[in-house]
Amino acid sequence: MRPTLLLTLFALALLIAVPWIAPIFDLEFYVSLVRRILIYALAATSLNLILGYGGMVALGHAAFFGAGAYAVAILGASGITAAAIVWPAAMLLAGVLALIVGAISLRTRGVYFIMITLAFAQMVYYVFISLRQYGGEDGLNLTGYSTLPGLDLANDTTFYYVTLAIFVIVMALFNRTVDARFGTALQGIRENESRMESMGYPVYRLKLVAFALSGAVAGLAGALLANHNLFVSPTLMHWTQSANLLIMVLVGGIGLRYGGVAGAVVMLLLEEFLRQWTEYWHMPLGVLLLLVVLFAPRGLVGLLSKRVAS
């Protein structure tokens, strides 16, 4: 078996065992922390699809993340809490929003594309600040967890395993997507868009589909985060949240299957532990980013893959 597959199976076994191991060492809090990491790993992976495989440097991904979270909160405030309804609705809202943003943004390139995605995200951010009936700038508390038949998401362990199951399914679909003709075409566009156009590929449509799919997965991550926090606020859509997701992908490895996952794990674990030592925890994270850029341009996953291969 390949080392990568063995490492993946080991990580999955460890994730399955977390709710059983944590209580033994009186570390139940870390069940919630790992669940949060899984949620952000989904969001970072969704960004990696367009950034790493499509070459689309977007700085507005948090808009889709926050839209998914707000979909759950607003539907919950209206008395609709069934996960089978609200989670697909979150994906649909985020996906349609991404489709609209992408339809306009993808007509530009380079720094103009970066700036227009940022502009759209900030517009969405201010729209939700203006929604006073849903808390405005102060945010909105959820009335309760989404409901699944036969499962109690208020139970930390149950919600953890539901999140883990969704994470595994999405990652499996992500791997199938990047290996399929669609993923191959997307990577071709990243390398040489003009050549792909001359070969007859519908470049604009392929990029738009990828952008919408990416937004839908980010919306699902937002729906899970809303349940995780039982609270949503416009800060989920702020440009700094988009930057955090971008840094996660950069640290983990742009265009690598588990780049977004590795980046989320490293960034959130470091954030959690550094906060216990200093209030200036951003500085060590900045140093880490600088070291990655200088010595591991393909990210931590790329560095690890290189060492395993050698």
Protein backbone atom coordinates (compact mmCIF):
# COMPACT_ATOMS: atom_id res chain seq x y z
CA MET A 1 0.00 0.00 0.00
CA ARG A 2 1.24 3.49 -0.80
CA PRO A 3 2.51 5.61 2.14
CA THR A 4 -0.10 8.27 1.33
CA LEU A 5 -2.94 5.76 1.59
CA LEU A 6 -1.55 4.35 4.85
CA LEU A 7 -1.28 7.85 6.29
CA THR A 8 -4.84 8.66 5.20
CA LEU A 9 -6.23 5.49 6.81
CA PHE A 10 -4.28 6.17 10.00
CA ALA A 11 -5.61 9.74 10.17
CA LEU A 12 -9.17 8.50 9.60
CA ALA A 13 -8.82 5.87 12.35
CA LEU A 14 -7.49 8.54 14.69
CA LEU A 15 -10.41 10.86 13.88
CA ILE A 16 -12.89 8.05 14.56
CA ALA A 17 -11.22 7.35 17.90
CA VAL A 18 -11.10 10.97 19.14
CA PRO A 19 -14.45 10.93 21.05
CA TRP A 20 -13.35 7.72 22.79
CA ILE A 21 -9.80 8.80 23.59
CA ALA A 22 -10.51 12.36 24.76
CA PRO A 23 -12.57 11.45 27.90
CA ILE A 24 -9.83 9.09 29.10
CA PHE A 25 -7.46 12.05 29.45
CA ASP A 26 -10.21 14.47 30.55
CA LEU A 27 -9.93 16.35 27.24
CA GLU A 28 -13.56 16.42 26.09
CA PHE A 29 -13.05 19.99 24.86
CA TYR A 30 -10.83 18.71 22.05
CA VAL A 31 -13.75 16.81 20.52
CA SER A 32 -15.30 20.21 19.78
CA LEU A 33 -11.96 21.57 18.58
CA VAL A 34 -11.42 18.72 16.12
CA ARG A 35 -14.99 19.15 14.85
CA ARG A 36 -14.26 22.84 14.22
CA ILE A 37 -11.08 21.88 12.35
CA LEU A 38 -13.05 19.46 10.15
CA ILE A 39 -15.52 22.22 9.29
CA TYR A 40 -12.80 24.69 8.34
CA ALA A 41 -10.99 21.93 6.44
CA LEU A 42 -14.11 21.58 4.27
CA ALA A 43 -14.19 25.33 3.61
CA ALA A 44 -10.46 25.44 2.81
CA THR A 45 -10.78 22.42 0.49
CA SER A 46 -13.62 24.12 -1.37
CA LEU A 47 -11.34 27.12 -1.93
CA ASN A 48 -8.51 24.81 -3.00
CA LEU A 49 -10.69 23.51 -5.84
CA ILE A 50 -10.78 26.88 -7.57
CA LEU A 51 -7.45 28.23 -6.33
CA GLY A 52 -5.23 25.18 -6.56
CA TYR A 53 -6.85 23.36 -9.47
CA GLY A 54 -8.42 26.21 -11.40
CA GLY A 55 -5.87 28.94 -10.75
CA MET A 56 -8.60 31.35 -9.59
CA VAL A 57 -7.21 33.48 -6.76
CA ALA A 58 -10.45 34.53 -5.05
CA LEU A 59 -10.53 36.75 -1.97
CA GLY A 60 -14.24 36.56 -1.30
CA HIS A 61 -14.84 32.93 -0.38
CA ALA A 62 -16.09 33.85 3.08
CA ALA A 63 -19.26 35.26 1.49
CA PHE A 64 -20.36 31.73 0.58
CA PHE A 65 -19.21 30.36 3.94
CA GLY A 66 -21.25 32.96 5.81
CA ALA A 67 -24.26 32.67 3.49
CA GLY A 68 -24.54 28.97 4.34
CA ALA A 69 -24.37 29.75 8.05
CA TYR A 70 -27.04 32.44 7.79
CA ALA A 71 -29.32 30.16 5.77
CA VAL A 72 -29.42 27.75 8.72
CA ALA A 73 -29.96 30.55 11.25
CA ILE A 74 -32.70 32.34 9.29
CA LEU A 75 -34.59 29.14 8.48
CA GLY A 76 -34.23 28.08 12.12
CA ALA A 77 -35.72 31.41 13.24
CA SER A 78 -38.67 30.61 10.94
CA GLY A 79 -39.15 27.24 12.62
CA ILE A 80 -37.48 25.11 9.92
CA THR A 81 -34.76 23.03 11.55
CA ALA A 82 -34.71 19.75 9.58
CA ALA A 83 -31.14 19.22 8.39
CA ALA A 84 -32.44 17.50 5.27
CA ILE A 85 -33.96 20.87 4.31
CA VAL A 86 -31.73 23.55 5.81
CA TRP A 87 -28.33 22.09 4.90
CA PRO A 88 -29.17 21.60 1.19
CA ALA A 89 -30.77 25.07 1.29
CA ALA A 90 -27.50 26.47 2.65
CA MET A 91 -25.61 24.79 -0.19
CA LEU A 92 -28.13 26.05 -2.75
CA LEU A 93 -27.98 29.63 -1.48
CA ALA A 94 -24.19 29.66 -1.40
CA GLY A 95 -23.98 27.92 -4.78
CA VAL A 96 -26.35 30.37 -6.47
CA LEU A 97 -24.51 33.29 -4.89
CA ALA A 98 -21.22 31.86 -6.18
CA LEU A 99 -22.79 31.39 -9.61
CA ILE A 100 -23.80 35.05 -9.74
CA VAL A 101 -20.47 36.31 -8.44
CA GLY A 102 -18.55 33.97 -10.73
CA ALA A 103 -20.58 34.89 -13.82
CA ILE A 104 -19.35 38.47 -13.45
CA SER A 105 -15.94 37.97 -11.83
CA LEU A 106 -14.69 35.32 -14.26
CA ARG A 107 -14.86 37.82 -17.10
CA THR A 108 -11.81 39.47 -15.51
CA ARG A 109 -8.33 38.13 -14.78
CA GLY A 110 -5.39 38.63 -12.45
CA VAL A 111 -5.59 41.35 -9.82
CA TYR A 112 -8.95 42.52 -11.22
CA PHE A 113 -10.46 39.10 -10.46
CA ILE A 114 -9.06 39.21 -6.91
CA MET A 115 -10.45 42.68 -6.29
CA ILE A 116 -13.90 42.04 -7.76
CA THR A 117 -14.40 38.87 -5.65
CA LEU A 118 -13.32 40.88 -2.61
CA ALA A 119 -15.76 43.66 -3.55
CA PHE A 120 -18.67 41.22 -3.89
CA ALA A 121 -17.84 39.61 -0.54
CA GLN A 122 -17.79 42.98 1.20
CA MET A 123 -21.12 43.85 -0.43
CA VAL A 124 -22.64 40.66 0.99
CA TYR A 125 -21.04 41.44 4.35
CA TYR A 126 -22.72 44.86 4.51
CA VAL A 127 -26.04 43.45 3.31
CA PHE A 128 -26.17 41.13 6.31
CA ILE A 129 -25.09 43.91 8.66
CA SER A 130 -28.14 45.86 7.46
CA LEU A 131 -30.56 42.98 8.25
CA ARG A 132 -31.65 44.28 11.65
CA GLN A 133 -34.42 41.70 11.92
CA TYR A 134 -31.69 39.03 11.98
CA GLY A 135 -29.40 40.73 14.45
CA GLY A 136 -27.53 43.03 12.11
CA GLU A 137 -23.96 43.63 13.24
CA ASP A 138 -24.59 41.82 16.55
CA GLY A 139 -25.34 38.51 14.85
CA LEU A 140 -28.06 35.97 15.50
CA ASN A 141 -28.34 33.13 18.00
CA LEU A 142 -29.72 29.84 16.73
CA THR A 143 -32.79 28.54 18.54
CA GLY A 144 -31.29 25.05 18.52
CA TYR A 145 -29.42 22.49 16.48
CA SER A 146 -30.62 21.24 13.13
CA THR A 147 -32.51 17.98 13.44
CA LEU A 148 -31.78 14.59 11.89
CA PRO A 149 -34.14 11.63 12.33
CA GLY A 150 -32.89 9.33 15.07
CA LEU A 151 -29.89 11.52 15.89
CA ASP A 152 -29.40 14.16 18.57
CA LEU A 153 -26.99 16.80 17.27
CA ALA A 154 -27.02 18.46 20.69
CA ASN A 155 -24.87 15.53 21.77
CA ASP A 156 -21.22 16.43 21.08
CA THR A 157 -20.23 12.93 20.04
CA THR A 158 -23.19 12.48 17.69
CA PHE A 159 -22.62 15.84 16.00
CA TYR A 160 -18.91 15.04 15.76
CA TYR A 161 -19.54 11.81 13.87
CA VAL A 162 -22.10 13.48 11.57
CA THR A 163 -19.52 16.15 10.74
CA LEU A 164 -16.83 13.52 10.22
CA ALA A 165 -19.10 11.51 7.90
CA ILE A 166 -19.85 14.62 5.81
CA PHE A 167 -16.14 15.46 5.74
CA VAL A 168 -15.21 11.98 4.48
CA ILE A 169 -17.95 12.01 1.81
CA VAL A 170 -16.99 15.48 0.54
CA MET A 171 -13.29 14.61 0.44
CA ALA A 172 -14.04 11.39 -1.47
CA LEU A 173 -16.11 13.36 -4.00
CA PHE A 174 -13.40 16.00 -4.20
CA ASN A 175 -10.78 13.36 -5.03
CA ARG A 176 -13.05 11.82 -7.67
CA THR A 177 -13.71 15.26 -9.16
CA VAL A 178 -10.07 16.26 -9.54
CA ASP A 179 -9.27 12.84 -11.08
CA ALA A 180 -12.16 13.07 -13.55
CA ARG A 181 -12.06 14.76 -16.96
CA PHE A 182 -13.54 17.88 -15.37
CA GLY A 183 -10.67 18.11 -12.89
CA THR A 184 -8.09 17.44 -15.57
CA ALA A 185 -9.58 20.15 -17.78
CA LEU A 186 -9.59 22.54 -14.83
CA GLN A 187 -5.89 21.92 -14.23
CA GLY A 188 -5.23 22.45 -17.92
CA ILE A 189 -6.96 25.83 -17.70
CA ARG A 190 -4.78 26.69 -14.72
CA GLU A 191 -1.62 25.90 -16.70
CA ASN A 192 -2.55 27.48 -20.04
CA GLU A 193 -6.00 28.94 -20.51
CA SER A 194 -5.39 30.11 -24.07
CA ARG A 195 -4.31 26.68 -25.22
CA MET A 196 -7.37 25.05 -23.65
CA GLU A 197 -9.60 27.52 -25.49
CA SER A 198 -7.86 26.78 -28.79
CA MET A 199 -8.47 23.05 -28.18
CA GLY A 200 -12.21 23.71 -27.97
CA TYR A 201 -12.76 23.50 -24.21
CA PRO A 202 -15.54 25.75 -22.84
CA VAL A 203 -13.14 27.48 -20.44
CA TYR A 204 -15.56 30.05 -19.04
CA ARG A 205 -18.26 27.45 -18.31
CA LEU A 206 -15.82 25.03 -16.69
CA LYS A 207 -14.49 27.75 -14.41
CA LEU A 208 -18.01 28.91 -13.58
CA VAL A 209 -19.14 25.37 -12.66
CA ALA A 210 -16.06 24.94 -10.46
CA PHE A 211 -16.73 28.29 -8.81
CA ALA A 212 -20.36 27.37 -8.07
CA LEU A 213 -19.41 23.91 -6.73
CA SER A 214 -16.78 25.50 -4.53
CA GLY A 215 -19.32 27.99 -3.18
CA ALA A 216 -21.86 25.23 -2.45
CA VAL A 217 -19.33 23.22 -0.41
CA ALA A 218 -18.33 26.37 1.47
CA GLY A 219 -22.03 26.90 2.22
CA LEU A 220 -22.26 23.38 3.66
CA ALA A 221 -19.26 24.13 5.87
CA GLY A 222 -21.00 27.33 6.98
CA ALA A 223 -24.16 25.37 7.85
CA LEU A 224 -22.12 23.02 10.02
CA LEU A 225 -20.32 25.94 11.68
CA ALA A 226 -23.64 27.60 12.51
CA ASN A 227 -24.66 24.45 14.36
CA HIS A 228 -21.24 24.19 15.96
CA ASN A 229 -21.38 27.73 17.38
CA LEU A 230 -25.19 28.07 17.66
CA PHE A 231 -24.48 31.63 16.55
CA VAL A 232 -23.83 33.48 13.31
CA SER A 233 -22.62 37.00 12.62
CA PRO A 234 -21.51 39.06 9.61
CA THR A 235 -17.87 38.62 10.68
CA LEU A 236 -18.06 35.19 9.03
CA MET A 237 -18.21 37.07 5.71
CA HIS A 238 -15.53 39.65 6.39
CA TRP A 239 -12.54 39.74 4.04
CA THR A 240 -10.25 38.64 6.90
CA GLN A 241 -12.14 35.32 7.00
CA SER A 242 -11.46 34.89 3.28
CA ALA A 243 -7.80 35.67 3.93
CA ASN A 244 -7.71 33.02 6.69
CA LEU A 245 -9.02 30.38 4.29
CA LEU A 246 -6.52 31.49 1.66
CA ILE A 247 -3.66 31.18 4.17
CA MET A 248 -4.84 27.70 5.18
CA VAL A 249 -4.60 26.56 1.56
CA LEU A 250 -1.23 28.25 1.13
CA VAL A 251 0.21 26.66 4.29
CA GLY A 252 -1.19 23.21 3.49
CA GLY A 253 -0.37 23.19 -0.20
CA ILE A 254 -2.05 24.86 -3.18
CA GLY A 255 -3.36 22.32 -5.67
CA LEU A 256 -2.69 19.31 -3.44
CA ARG A 257 -5.52 16.99 -2.43
CA TYR A 258 -5.18 17.45 1.30
CA GLY A 259 -3.64 20.92 1.22
CA GLY A 260 -6.72 22.63 2.62
CA VAL A 261 -7.09 19.97 5.32
CA ALA A 262 -3.46 20.19 6.43
CA GLY A 263 -3.59 23.98 6.46
CA ALA A 264 -6.74 24.03 8.60
CA VAL A 265 -5.24 21.54 11.06
CA VAL A 266 -1.98 23.44 11.46
CA MET A 267 -3.48 26.94 11.59
CA LEU A 268 -6.29 26.17 14.03
CA LEU A 269 -4.17 24.01 16.34
CA LEU A 270 -1.46 26.66 16.47
CA GLU A 271 -4.06 29.36 17.06
CA GLU A 272 -5.57 27.37 19.94
CA PHE A 273 -2.28 26.62 21.67
CA LEU A 274 -0.59 29.98 21.05
CA ARG A 275 -3.56 31.84 22.52
CA GLN A 276 -2.81 30.11 25.82
CA TRP A 277 0.73 31.54 25.80
CA THR A 278 0.43 35.03 24.41
CA GLU A 279 -2.10 37.59 23.25
CA TYR A 280 0.18 38.30 20.28
CA TRP A 281 -0.46 34.88 18.79
CA HIS A 282 -0.76 36.31 15.28
CA MET A 283 2.98 36.97 15.18
CA PRO A 284 4.12 33.30 15.37
CA LEU A 285 1.52 32.44 12.72
CA GLY A 286 2.98 35.15 10.52
CA VAL A 287 6.45 33.68 11.01
CA LEU A 288 5.09 30.23 10.05
CA LEU A 289 3.59 31.63 6.85
CA LEU A 290 6.89 33.31 5.99
CA LEU A 291 8.81 30.06 6.55
CA VAL A 292 6.36 28.12 4.38
CA VAL A 293 6.67 30.63 1.55
CA LEU A 294 10.49 30.58 1.74
CA PHE A 295 11.23 26.91 2.36
CA ALA A 296 8.10 24.99 1.35
CA PRO A 297 6.52 26.77 -1.64
CA ARG A 298 4.28 23.74 -2.26
CA GLY A 299 3.05 23.83 1.34
CA LEU A 300 3.40 21.35 4.17
CA VAL A 301 1.74 18.52 2.25
CA GLY A 302 4.12 19.09 -0.65
CA LEU A 303 7.10 19.06 1.73
CA LEU A 304 5.87 15.86 3.39
CA SER A 305 5.25 14.17 0.04
CA LYS A 306 8.75 15.07 -1.09
CA ARG A 307 10.29 13.58 2.05
CA VAL A 308 8.21 10.39 1.79
CA ALA A 309 9.19 9.97 -1.87
CA SER A 310 12.87 10.40 -1.04
